[in-house]
Amino acid sequence: MNIEGNSVNVKKSSKEIFEFLTNLSNFEQLMPENTEKFEVDGESFIFGLKGMPEIRLVMKEKTEYSNVTLGAASSKLPFTLAADINEVSDNESNVQLKFESSFNPMMAMMVKKPLTKFIETLTENIEKL
């Protein structure tokens, strides 16, 4: 299952966006309002949304100023969440979030709508930076 968020322009350089996203504690600013738990632990963070199980994301890959990829800490539900960053000008960047998973069809059907909403919320909050 793949979900692509909207591509948004942010009034920050690609370097600023990259540094913001590689500092995992900054993800708390991007989370939805119904976040009940958010804790950073080294190269990972755990978050919990109201009515949903807690999820731990681990830093998987960083390509300086162009990509930050997080992945599931658990191999039971493997997925990645990538932020692709493209520089528009010295003080403007374009960011797009991409979610990829190998969920079985039943699981994919159950989580597609809430995950799409989650990606939309993260994207909206990135755009406000």
N, C-alpha and C. Protein backbone atom coordinates (compact mmCIF):
# COMPACT_ATOMS: atom_id res chain seq x y z
N MET A 1 0.85 -1.18 0.00
CA MET A 1 0.00 0.00 0.00
C MET A 1 0.89 1.24 0.00
N ASN A 2 0.60 2.16 -0.89
CA ASN A 2 1.35 3.41 -0.98
C ASN A 2 0.38 4.58 -0.85
N ILE A 3 0.79 5.57 -0.06
CA ILE A 3 0.02 6.80 0.09
C ILE A 3 0.97 7.96 -0.14
N GLU A 4 0.62 8.83 -1.07
CA GLU A 4 1.44 10.02 -1.32
C GLU A 4 0.68 11.24 -0.84
N GLY A 5 1.33 12.01 0.02
CA GLY A 5 0.73 13.25 0.48
C GLY A 5 0.83 14.32 -0.59
N ASN A 6 0.14 15.41 -0.36
CA ASN A 6 0.24 16.54 -1.28
C ASN A 6 1.65 17.09 -1.25
N SER A 7 2.07 17.64 -2.36
CA SER A 7 3.36 18.31 -2.45
C SER A 7 3.12 19.77 -2.03
N VAL A 8 3.86 20.23 -1.00
CA VAL A 8 3.63 21.58 -0.48
C VAL A 8 4.93 22.40 -0.50
N ASN A 9 4.76 23.69 -0.69
CA ASN A 9 5.90 24.61 -0.63
C ASN A 9 6.01 25.17 0.77
N VAL A 10 7.25 25.24 1.26
CA VAL A 10 7.54 25.72 2.60
C VAL A 10 8.55 26.86 2.48
N LYS A 11 8.34 27.91 3.25
CA LYS A 11 9.23 29.08 3.20
C LYS A 11 10.50 28.85 4.02
N LYS A 12 11.19 27.76 3.72
CA LYS A 12 12.46 27.43 4.35
C LYS A 12 13.34 26.75 3.31
N SER A 13 14.65 26.88 3.48
CA SER A 13 15.57 26.22 2.56
C SER A 13 15.51 24.71 2.75
N SER A 14 15.99 23.97 1.76
CA SER A 14 16.00 22.51 1.88
C SER A 14 16.87 22.08 3.06
N LYS A 15 17.94 22.85 3.34
CA LYS A 15 18.79 22.54 4.49
C LYS A 15 18.02 22.70 5.79
N GLU A 16 17.25 23.78 5.92
CA GLU A 16 16.46 24.02 7.14
C GLU A 16 15.41 22.92 7.35
N ILE A 17 14.73 22.53 6.28
CA ILE A 17 13.72 21.47 6.37
C ILE A 17 14.38 20.15 6.75
N PHE A 18 15.49 19.83 6.10
CA PHE A 18 16.20 18.59 6.39
C PHE A 18 16.62 18.55 7.86
N GLU A 19 17.21 19.63 8.36
CA GLU A 19 17.66 19.68 9.75
C GLU A 19 16.48 19.61 10.72
N PHE A 20 15.36 20.22 10.35
CA PHE A 20 14.16 20.15 11.18
C PHE A 20 13.67 18.70 11.29
N LEU A 21 13.61 18.00 10.16
CA LEU A 21 13.07 16.63 10.14
C LEU A 21 14.04 15.60 10.71
N THR A 22 15.33 15.88 10.68
CA THR A 22 16.28 14.92 11.26
C THR A 22 16.39 15.07 12.77
N ASN A 23 15.88 16.17 13.32
CA ASN A 23 15.77 16.33 14.77
C ASN A 23 14.39 15.77 15.16
N LEU A 24 14.37 14.51 15.59
CA LEU A 24 13.10 13.80 15.78
C LEU A 24 12.16 14.47 16.76
N SER A 25 12.69 15.22 17.72
CA SER A 25 11.79 15.89 18.68
C SER A 25 10.89 16.91 17.97
N ASN A 26 11.31 17.40 16.80
CA ASN A 26 10.49 18.35 16.05
C ASN A 26 9.21 17.74 15.50
N PHE A 27 9.16 16.41 15.38
CA PHE A 27 7.95 15.77 14.86
C PHE A 27 6.75 16.01 15.76
N GLU A 28 7.01 16.31 17.03
CA GLU A 28 5.90 16.60 17.94
C GLU A 28 5.08 17.79 17.43
N GLN A 29 5.76 18.77 16.81
CA GLN A 29 5.07 19.95 16.26
C GLN A 29 4.20 19.59 15.06
N LEU A 30 4.51 18.48 14.40
CA LEU A 30 3.78 18.09 13.20
C LEU A 30 2.61 17.16 13.47
N MET A 31 2.57 16.60 14.67
CA MET A 31 1.57 15.59 15.01
C MET A 31 0.16 16.21 15.09
N PRO A 32 -0.86 15.35 14.88
CA PRO A 32 -2.25 15.83 15.01
C PRO A 32 -2.55 16.26 16.45
N GLU A 33 -3.62 17.02 16.59
CA GLU A 33 -4.02 17.52 17.92
C GLU A 33 -4.37 16.39 18.89
N ASN A 34 -4.84 15.25 18.35
CA ASN A 34 -5.27 14.15 19.23
C ASN A 34 -4.12 13.23 19.65
N THR A 35 -2.89 13.74 19.59
CA THR A 35 -1.73 12.96 20.03
C THR A 35 -1.73 12.89 21.55
N GLU A 36 -1.74 11.67 22.08
CA GLU A 36 -1.76 11.49 23.53
C GLU A 36 -0.39 11.20 24.10
N LYS A 37 0.54 10.71 23.25
CA LYS A 37 1.88 10.39 23.73
C LYS A 37 2.88 10.72 22.64
N PHE A 38 4.02 11.28 23.05
CA PHE A 38 5.12 11.53 22.13
C PHE A 38 6.41 11.52 22.92
N GLU A 39 7.29 10.56 22.63
CA GLU A 39 8.57 10.46 23.34
C GLU A 39 9.68 10.12 22.35
N VAL A 40 10.76 10.89 22.42
CA VAL A 40 11.94 10.63 21.58
C VAL A 40 12.92 9.78 22.38
N ASP A 41 13.49 8.78 21.71
CA ASP A 41 14.47 7.90 22.33
C ASP A 41 15.60 7.66 21.32
N GLY A 42 16.64 8.49 21.38
CA GLY A 42 17.77 8.34 20.46
C GLY A 42 17.36 8.58 19.02
N GLU A 43 17.51 7.55 18.17
CA GLU A 43 17.19 7.65 16.75
C GLU A 43 15.77 7.19 16.44
N SER A 44 14.89 7.23 17.46
CA SER A 44 13.51 6.82 17.24
C SER A 44 12.58 7.66 18.12
N PHE A 45 11.31 7.60 17.78
CA PHE A 45 10.31 8.20 18.65
C PHE A 45 9.06 7.34 18.63
N ILE A 46 8.31 7.43 19.72
CA ILE A 46 7.06 6.70 19.84
C ILE A 46 5.95 7.72 20.00
N PHE A 47 4.82 7.45 19.32
CA PHE A 47 3.69 8.35 19.48
C PHE A 47 2.41 7.53 19.54
N GLY A 48 1.44 8.11 20.19
CA GLY A 48 0.13 7.47 20.31
C GLY A 48 -0.95 8.49 20.03
N LEU A 49 -1.87 8.11 19.15
CA LEU A 49 -3.02 8.95 18.85
C LEU A 49 -4.22 8.36 19.57
N LYS A 50 -5.15 9.21 19.96
CA LYS A 50 -6.32 8.76 20.69
C LYS A 50 -7.04 7.65 19.91
N GLY A 51 -7.27 6.52 20.59
CA GLY A 51 -7.99 5.42 19.98
C GLY A 51 -7.17 4.54 19.05
N MET A 52 -5.84 4.78 18.97
CA MET A 52 -4.98 4.00 18.08
C MET A 52 -3.83 3.40 18.89
N PRO A 53 -3.26 2.30 18.43
CA PRO A 53 -2.10 1.74 19.13
C PRO A 53 -0.88 2.66 18.98
N GLU A 54 0.04 2.58 19.93
CA GLU A 54 1.26 3.39 19.85
C GLU A 54 2.16 2.85 18.73
N ILE A 55 2.86 3.77 18.08
CA ILE A 55 3.74 3.41 16.97
C ILE A 55 5.12 3.98 17.23
N ARG A 56 6.15 3.16 17.02
CA ARG A 56 7.53 3.63 17.14
C ARG A 56 8.12 3.76 15.73
N LEU A 57 8.64 4.95 15.44
CA LEU A 57 9.32 5.21 14.17
C LEU A 57 10.80 5.35 14.42
N VAL A 58 11.60 4.77 13.55
CA VAL A 58 13.06 4.78 13.65
C VAL A 58 13.63 5.47 12.42
N MET A 59 14.67 6.28 12.63
CA MET A 59 15.36 6.90 11.50
C MET A 59 16.02 5.79 10.68
N LYS A 60 15.63 5.68 9.42
CA LYS A 60 16.15 4.62 8.55
C LYS A 60 17.22 5.14 7.60
N GLU A 61 16.96 6.33 7.05
CA GLU A 61 17.85 6.84 6.00
C GLU A 61 17.78 8.36 5.95
N LYS A 62 18.93 8.97 5.67
CA LYS A 62 18.99 10.42 5.52
C LYS A 62 19.86 10.71 4.29
N THR A 63 19.33 11.45 3.35
CA THR A 63 20.11 11.93 2.22
C THR A 63 20.14 13.45 2.36
N GLU A 64 21.32 13.97 2.62
CA GLU A 64 21.46 15.37 3.01
C GLU A 64 20.67 16.31 2.10
N TYR A 65 19.78 17.05 2.74
CA TYR A 65 18.97 18.11 2.16
C TYR A 65 17.93 17.66 1.14
N SER A 66 17.74 16.33 0.94
CA SER A 66 16.75 15.91 -0.04
C SER A 66 15.78 14.82 0.44
N ASN A 67 16.15 14.06 1.47
CA ASN A 67 15.25 12.99 1.91
C ASN A 67 15.52 12.60 3.36
N VAL A 68 14.42 12.35 4.07
CA VAL A 68 14.47 11.78 5.42
C VAL A 68 13.46 10.64 5.42
N THR A 69 13.93 9.43 5.75
CA THR A 69 13.04 8.27 5.76
C THR A 69 13.01 7.63 7.14
N LEU A 70 11.79 7.51 7.66
CA LEU A 70 11.55 6.84 8.93
C LEU A 70 10.88 5.50 8.63
N GLY A 71 11.07 4.55 9.53
CA GLY A 71 10.44 3.25 9.33
C GLY A 71 9.91 2.70 10.63
N ALA A 72 9.08 1.68 10.51
CA ALA A 72 8.51 1.03 11.68
C ALA A 72 9.61 0.30 12.44
N ALA A 73 9.55 0.39 13.76
CA ALA A 73 10.52 -0.33 14.59
C ALA A 73 10.16 -1.81 14.64
N SER A 74 8.89 -2.13 14.45
CA SER A 74 8.43 -3.52 14.52
C SER A 74 8.37 -4.14 13.13
N SER A 75 8.86 -5.36 13.01
CA SER A 75 8.81 -6.04 11.71
C SER A 75 7.43 -6.66 11.46
N LYS A 76 6.53 -6.61 12.46
CA LYS A 76 5.18 -7.15 12.29
C LYS A 76 4.38 -6.34 11.29
N LEU A 77 4.56 -5.03 11.30
CA LEU A 77 3.87 -4.14 10.37
C LEU A 77 4.91 -3.26 9.67
N PRO A 78 5.60 -3.81 8.69
CA PRO A 78 6.68 -3.04 8.05
C PRO A 78 6.16 -1.91 7.17
N PHE A 79 6.70 -0.71 7.40
CA PHE A 79 6.36 0.44 6.55
C PHE A 79 7.45 1.49 6.66
N THR A 80 7.45 2.40 5.71
CA THR A 80 8.33 3.56 5.77
C THR A 80 7.51 4.83 5.52
N LEU A 81 8.00 5.91 6.09
CA LEU A 81 7.44 7.24 5.87
C LEU A 81 8.60 8.11 5.44
N ALA A 82 8.55 8.55 4.18
CA ALA A 82 9.65 9.33 3.63
C ALA A 82 9.20 10.76 3.35
N ALA A 83 10.10 11.70 3.61
CA ALA A 83 9.88 13.10 3.25
C ALA A 83 10.87 13.42 2.15
N ASP A 84 10.36 13.70 0.95
CA ASP A 84 11.21 14.11 -0.16
C ASP A 84 11.23 15.63 -0.19
N ILE A 85 12.44 16.20 -0.20
CA ILE A 85 12.63 17.64 -0.12
C ILE A 85 13.31 18.12 -1.40
N ASN A 86 12.69 19.09 -2.06
CA ASN A 86 13.28 19.68 -3.27
C ASN A 86 13.40 21.18 -3.07
N GLU A 87 14.60 21.70 -3.33
CA GLU A 87 14.81 23.14 -3.17
C GLU A 87 14.19 23.89 -4.34
N VAL A 88 13.38 24.89 -4.02
CA VAL A 88 12.76 25.74 -5.02
C VAL A 88 13.62 26.99 -5.22
N SER A 89 14.07 27.56 -4.10
CA SER A 89 14.98 28.71 -4.12
C SER A 89 15.78 28.68 -2.82
N ASP A 90 16.58 29.72 -2.57
CA ASP A 90 17.40 29.75 -1.36
C ASP A 90 16.57 29.70 -0.07
N ASN A 91 15.33 30.19 -0.13
CA ASN A 91 14.52 30.20 1.09
C ASN A 91 13.13 29.59 0.87
N GLU A 92 13.04 28.66 -0.06
CA GLU A 92 11.78 27.95 -0.28
C GLU A 92 12.06 26.53 -0.77
N SER A 93 11.30 25.59 -0.22
CA SER A 93 11.45 24.18 -0.59
C SER A 93 10.09 23.56 -0.85
N ASN A 94 10.11 22.47 -1.57
CA ASN A 94 8.92 21.68 -1.82
C ASN A 94 9.08 20.36 -1.07
N VAL A 95 8.06 19.97 -0.31
CA VAL A 95 8.13 18.75 0.50
C VAL A 95 6.94 17.85 0.17
N GLN A 96 7.22 16.55 0.04
CA GLN A 96 6.15 15.58 -0.17
C GLN A 96 6.41 14.36 0.71
N LEU A 97 5.37 13.94 1.45
CA LEU A 97 5.46 12.75 2.29
C LEU A 97 4.96 11.54 1.51
N LYS A 98 5.66 10.41 1.67
CA LYS A 98 5.27 9.17 1.01
C LYS A 98 5.30 8.03 2.01
N PHE A 99 4.19 7.33 2.10
CA PHE A 99 4.05 6.18 2.99
C PHE A 99 4.02 4.92 2.14
N GLU A 100 4.88 3.95 2.47
CA GLU A 100 4.90 2.68 1.75
C GLU A 100 4.88 1.54 2.75
N SER A 101 4.05 0.53 2.45
CA SER A 101 3.97 -0.63 3.34
C SER A 101 3.70 -1.89 2.54
N SER A 102 3.90 -3.00 3.21
CA SER A 102 3.57 -4.30 2.61
C SER A 102 2.49 -4.97 3.45
N PHE A 103 1.50 -4.17 3.88
CA PHE A 103 0.39 -4.70 4.66
C PHE A 103 -0.41 -5.68 3.82
N ASN A 104 -1.00 -6.67 4.48
CA ASN A 104 -1.90 -7.56 3.75
C ASN A 104 -3.15 -6.77 3.35
N PRO A 105 -3.91 -7.26 2.36
CA PRO A 105 -5.06 -6.49 1.86
C PRO A 105 -6.08 -6.11 2.93
N MET A 106 -6.33 -7.00 3.88
CA MET A 106 -7.30 -6.70 4.94
C MET A 106 -6.80 -5.57 5.83
N MET A 107 -5.53 -5.64 6.23
CA MET A 107 -4.95 -4.58 7.06
C MET A 107 -4.93 -3.26 6.29
N ALA A 108 -4.54 -3.33 5.03
CA ALA A 108 -4.48 -2.12 4.20
C ALA A 108 -5.84 -1.44 4.13
N MET A 109 -6.88 -2.23 3.97
CA MET A 109 -8.23 -1.69 3.88
C MET A 109 -8.62 -0.99 5.19
N MET A 110 -8.23 -1.57 6.32
CA MET A 110 -8.58 -1.02 7.63
C MET A 110 -7.83 0.28 7.94
N VAL A 111 -6.58 0.38 7.52
CA VAL A 111 -5.76 1.53 7.94
C VAL A 111 -5.60 2.62 6.88
N LYS A 112 -6.06 2.37 5.65
CA LYS A 112 -5.83 3.35 4.59
C LYS A 112 -6.42 4.73 4.90
N LYS A 113 -7.68 4.78 5.34
CA LYS A 113 -8.32 6.07 5.60
C LYS A 113 -7.65 6.82 6.75
N PRO A 114 -7.44 6.18 7.95
CA PRO A 114 -6.77 6.94 9.01
C PRO A 114 -5.33 7.33 8.67
N LEU A 115 -4.62 6.47 7.93
CA LEU A 115 -3.25 6.82 7.54
C LEU A 115 -3.22 7.97 6.55
N THR A 116 -4.16 7.98 5.63
CA THR A 116 -4.24 9.09 4.66
C THR A 116 -4.50 10.40 5.40
N LYS A 117 -5.40 10.38 6.38
CA LYS A 117 -5.70 11.57 7.19
C LYS A 117 -4.46 12.00 7.98
N PHE A 118 -3.73 11.03 8.53
CA PHE A 118 -2.50 11.32 9.28
C PHE A 118 -1.47 12.00 8.39
N ILE A 119 -1.26 11.47 7.18
CA ILE A 119 -0.31 12.05 6.23
C ILE A 119 -0.74 13.47 5.85
N GLU A 120 -2.05 13.67 5.65
CA GLU A 120 -2.57 15.01 5.33
C GLU A 120 -2.28 15.99 6.45
N THR A 121 -2.48 15.56 7.70
CA THR A 121 -2.23 16.43 8.85
C THR A 121 -0.75 16.79 8.95
N LEU A 122 0.14 15.79 8.82
CA LEU A 122 1.58 16.07 8.85
C LEU A 122 1.94 17.06 7.76
N THR A 123 1.39 16.86 6.55
CA THR A 123 1.70 17.73 5.42
C THR A 123 1.23 19.16 5.70
N GLU A 124 0.01 19.30 6.21
CA GLU A 124 -0.51 20.64 6.54
C GLU A 124 0.38 21.33 7.56
N ASN A 125 0.86 20.59 8.56
CA ASN A 125 1.69 21.18 9.59
C ASN A 125 3.09 21.51 9.08
N ILE A 126 3.60 20.73 8.14
CA ILE A 126 4.89 21.07 7.51
C ILE A 126 4.75 22.37 6.73
N GLU A 127 3.63 22.50 6.04
CA GLU A 127 3.40 23.70 5.22
C GLU A 127 3.37 24.96 6.07
N LYS A 128 2.96 24.86 7.35
CA LYS A 128 2.87 26.01 8.26
C LYS A 128 4.23 26.42 8.85
N LEU A 129 5.26 25.61 8.64
CA LEU A 129 6.57 25.92 9.25
C LEU A 129 7.12 27.25 8.80
